[in-house]
Amino acid sequence: MRGRPALEIMRRVRDWWWATQPSDLMIAPIPEHKKPARFLMHLLGFQRIGPYRAVSNDGIEREYVA
């Protein structure tokens, strides 16, 4: 999906997560150079904590923003 329908589903997933999981904090890596990922992060109401470096699934160390 794309556009507004995709955003609505992502918000439902986010709301379901907070309602069903015993979590106070959700941390996910957002690649700094990926504008769409940063845009979606802000639309869903997440905020940036700061940059960090982590090893990706392909074994390459990359800079992310938590």
N, C-alpha and C. Protein backbone atom coordinates (compact mmCIF):
# COMPACT_ATOMS: atom_id res chain seq x y z
N MET A 1 0.83 -1.18 0.00
CA MET A 1 0.00 0.00 0.00
C MET A 1 0.88 1.24 0.00
N ARG A 2 0.26 2.33 -0.41
CA ARG A 2 0.96 3.60 -0.42
C ARG A 2 0.01 4.68 0.05
N GLY A 3 0.58 5.81 0.42
CA GLY A 3 -0.22 6.98 0.74
C GLY A 3 -1.00 6.87 2.03
N ARG A 4 -2.14 7.56 2.07
CA ARG A 4 -2.94 7.65 3.27
C ARG A 4 -3.42 6.28 3.80
N PRO A 5 -3.86 5.33 2.93
CA PRO A 5 -4.27 4.03 3.46
C PRO A 5 -3.14 3.31 4.20
N ALA A 6 -1.92 3.40 3.66
CA ALA A 6 -0.78 2.76 4.32
C ALA A 6 -0.51 3.41 5.67
N LEU A 7 -0.61 4.73 5.72
CA LEU A 7 -0.38 5.44 6.97
C LEU A 7 -1.42 5.06 8.02
N GLU A 8 -2.66 4.94 7.62
CA GLU A 8 -3.72 4.55 8.56
C GLU A 8 -3.47 3.15 9.13
N ILE A 9 -3.03 2.22 8.28
CA ILE A 9 -2.73 0.87 8.76
C ILE A 9 -1.55 0.90 9.72
N MET A 10 -0.51 1.67 9.39
CA MET A 10 0.64 1.76 10.28
C MET A 10 0.24 2.35 11.64
N ARG A 11 -0.63 3.33 11.63
CA ARG A 11 -1.09 3.90 12.90
C ARG A 11 -1.89 2.89 13.70
N ARG A 12 -2.69 2.07 13.01
CA ARG A 12 -3.43 1.01 13.72
C ARG A 12 -2.47 0.00 14.34
N VAL A 13 -1.42 -0.36 13.58
CA VAL A 13 -0.41 -1.30 14.11
C VAL A 13 0.26 -0.69 15.34
N ARG A 14 0.62 0.59 15.25
CA ARG A 14 1.25 1.27 16.38
C ARG A 14 0.32 1.26 17.60
N ASP A 15 -0.94 1.61 17.39
CA ASP A 15 -1.90 1.63 18.50
C ASP A 15 -2.12 0.24 19.08
N TRP A 16 -2.18 -0.78 18.20
CA TRP A 16 -2.32 -2.15 18.69
C TRP A 16 -1.12 -2.54 19.54
N TRP A 17 0.08 -2.16 19.09
CA TRP A 17 1.29 -2.50 19.84
C TRP A 17 1.22 -1.93 21.25
N TRP A 18 0.89 -0.65 21.36
CA TRP A 18 0.86 -0.03 22.69
C TRP A 18 -0.24 -0.63 23.55
N ALA A 19 -1.34 -1.09 22.95
CA ALA A 19 -2.45 -1.65 23.73
C ALA A 19 -2.17 -3.08 24.19
N THR A 20 -1.36 -3.84 23.46
CA THR A 20 -1.20 -5.26 23.76
C THR A 20 0.16 -5.64 24.33
N GLN A 21 1.15 -4.78 24.25
CA GLN A 21 2.50 -5.13 24.70
C GLN A 21 2.84 -4.38 25.99
N PRO A 22 3.55 -5.04 26.89
CA PRO A 22 3.95 -4.37 28.14
C PRO A 22 5.20 -3.52 27.93
N SER A 23 5.10 -2.54 27.05
CA SER A 23 6.26 -1.72 26.69
C SER A 23 6.04 -0.26 27.05
N ASP A 24 7.11 0.39 27.44
CA ASP A 24 7.09 1.83 27.66
C ASP A 24 7.82 2.57 26.56
N LEU A 25 8.64 1.84 25.80
CA LEU A 25 9.50 2.46 24.81
C LEU A 25 9.64 1.52 23.62
N MET A 26 9.58 2.07 22.42
CA MET A 26 9.82 1.29 21.21
C MET A 26 11.01 1.93 20.50
N ILE A 27 12.03 1.13 20.26
CA ILE A 27 13.23 1.63 19.58
C ILE A 27 13.36 0.89 18.26
N ALA A 28 13.54 1.65 17.19
CA ALA A 28 13.72 1.06 15.86
C ALA A 28 14.75 1.87 15.11
N PRO A 29 15.61 1.20 14.35
CA PRO A 29 16.60 1.95 13.56
C PRO A 29 15.96 2.60 12.35
N ILE A 30 16.29 3.85 12.13
CA ILE A 30 15.85 4.59 10.95
C ILE A 30 17.11 5.06 10.23
N PRO A 31 17.37 4.59 9.02
CA PRO A 31 18.57 5.05 8.30
C PRO A 31 18.54 6.56 8.11
N GLU A 32 19.61 7.22 8.43
CA GLU A 32 19.68 8.68 8.37
C GLU A 32 19.48 9.20 6.95
N HIS A 33 19.93 8.45 5.95
CA HIS A 33 19.86 8.92 4.56
C HIS A 33 18.56 8.55 3.85
N LYS A 34 17.62 7.95 4.54
CA LYS A 34 16.36 7.54 3.91
C LYS A 34 15.25 8.51 4.27
N LYS A 35 15.01 9.49 3.40
CA LYS A 35 13.99 10.50 3.66
C LYS A 35 12.61 9.91 3.91
N PRO A 36 12.15 8.93 3.10
CA PRO A 36 10.82 8.37 3.36
C PRO A 36 10.69 7.73 4.74
N ALA A 37 11.75 7.08 5.21
CA ALA A 37 11.71 6.46 6.53
C ALA A 37 11.60 7.52 7.62
N ARG A 38 12.36 8.60 7.49
CA ARG A 38 12.28 9.67 8.48
C ARG A 38 10.92 10.34 8.45
N PHE A 39 10.35 10.54 7.26
CA PHE A 39 9.04 11.15 7.11
C PHE A 39 7.98 10.29 7.79
N LEU A 40 8.01 8.98 7.54
CA LEU A 40 7.04 8.06 8.16
C LEU A 40 7.20 8.06 9.68
N MET A 41 8.43 8.11 10.14
CA MET A 41 8.67 8.14 11.59
C MET A 41 7.94 9.33 12.21
N HIS A 42 8.04 10.49 11.60
CA HIS A 42 7.39 11.68 12.14
C HIS A 42 5.87 11.59 12.02
N LEU A 43 5.36 11.04 10.92
CA LEU A 43 3.92 10.89 10.75
C LEU A 43 3.30 9.98 11.80
N LEU A 44 4.06 8.95 12.21
CA LEU A 44 3.57 8.01 13.21
C LEU A 44 3.73 8.53 14.64
N GLY A 45 4.39 9.65 14.79
CA GLY A 45 4.51 10.24 16.11
C GLY A 45 5.75 9.84 16.89
N PHE A 46 6.73 9.23 16.22
CA PHE A 46 7.97 8.87 16.90
C PHE A 46 8.92 10.06 16.88
N GLN A 47 9.86 10.05 17.79
CA GLN A 47 10.84 11.12 17.82
C GLN A 47 12.25 10.54 17.83
N ARG A 48 13.20 11.31 17.36
CA ARG A 48 14.58 10.87 17.29
C ARG A 48 15.25 11.03 18.65
N ILE A 49 16.02 10.02 19.03
CA ILE A 49 16.79 10.08 20.26
C ILE A 49 18.20 10.55 19.93
N GLY A 50 18.78 10.00 18.89
CA GLY A 50 20.14 10.38 18.50
C GLY A 50 20.78 9.34 17.62
N PRO A 51 21.92 9.69 17.02
CA PRO A 51 22.59 8.76 16.11
C PRO A 51 23.36 7.67 16.85
N TYR A 52 23.47 6.51 16.22
CA TYR A 52 24.33 5.44 16.73
C TYR A 52 24.72 4.57 15.56
N ARG A 53 25.78 3.80 15.73
CA ARG A 53 26.25 2.90 14.69
C ARG A 53 25.92 1.47 15.10
N ALA A 54 25.43 0.69 14.13
CA ALA A 54 25.06 -0.69 14.41
C ALA A 54 25.35 -1.53 13.18
N VAL A 55 25.55 -2.82 13.41
CA VAL A 55 25.80 -3.75 12.32
C VAL A 55 24.45 -4.19 11.76
N SER A 56 24.29 -4.06 10.45
CA SER A 56 23.06 -4.44 9.77
C SER A 56 23.00 -5.96 9.58
N ASN A 57 21.87 -6.43 9.06
CA ASN A 57 21.72 -7.86 8.79
C ASN A 57 22.75 -8.37 7.79
N ASP A 58 23.22 -7.49 6.90
CA ASP A 58 24.21 -7.91 5.91
C ASP A 58 25.65 -7.84 6.43
N GLY A 59 25.83 -7.49 7.71
CA GLY A 59 27.14 -7.49 8.32
C GLY A 59 27.91 -6.18 8.19
N ILE A 60 27.33 -5.18 7.57
CA ILE A 60 27.99 -3.88 7.38
C ILE A 60 27.55 -2.94 8.49
N GLU A 61 28.53 -2.26 9.09
CA GLU A 61 28.21 -1.29 10.13
C GLU A 61 27.73 0.01 9.49
N ARG A 62 26.55 0.49 9.95
CA ARG A 62 25.97 1.70 9.37
C ARG A 62 25.53 2.64 10.50
N GLU A 63 25.37 3.90 10.14
CA GLU A 63 24.88 4.88 11.10
C GLU A 63 23.36 4.91 11.03
N TYR A 64 22.73 4.86 12.19
CA TYR A 64 21.28 4.91 12.32
C TYR A 64 20.92 6.01 13.28
N VAL A 65 19.64 6.32 13.34
CA VAL A 65 19.11 7.23 14.33
C VAL A 65 18.04 6.49 15.10
N ALA A 66 18.14 6.50 16.42
CA ALA A 66 17.14 5.82 17.25
C ALA A 66 15.97 6.75 17.47
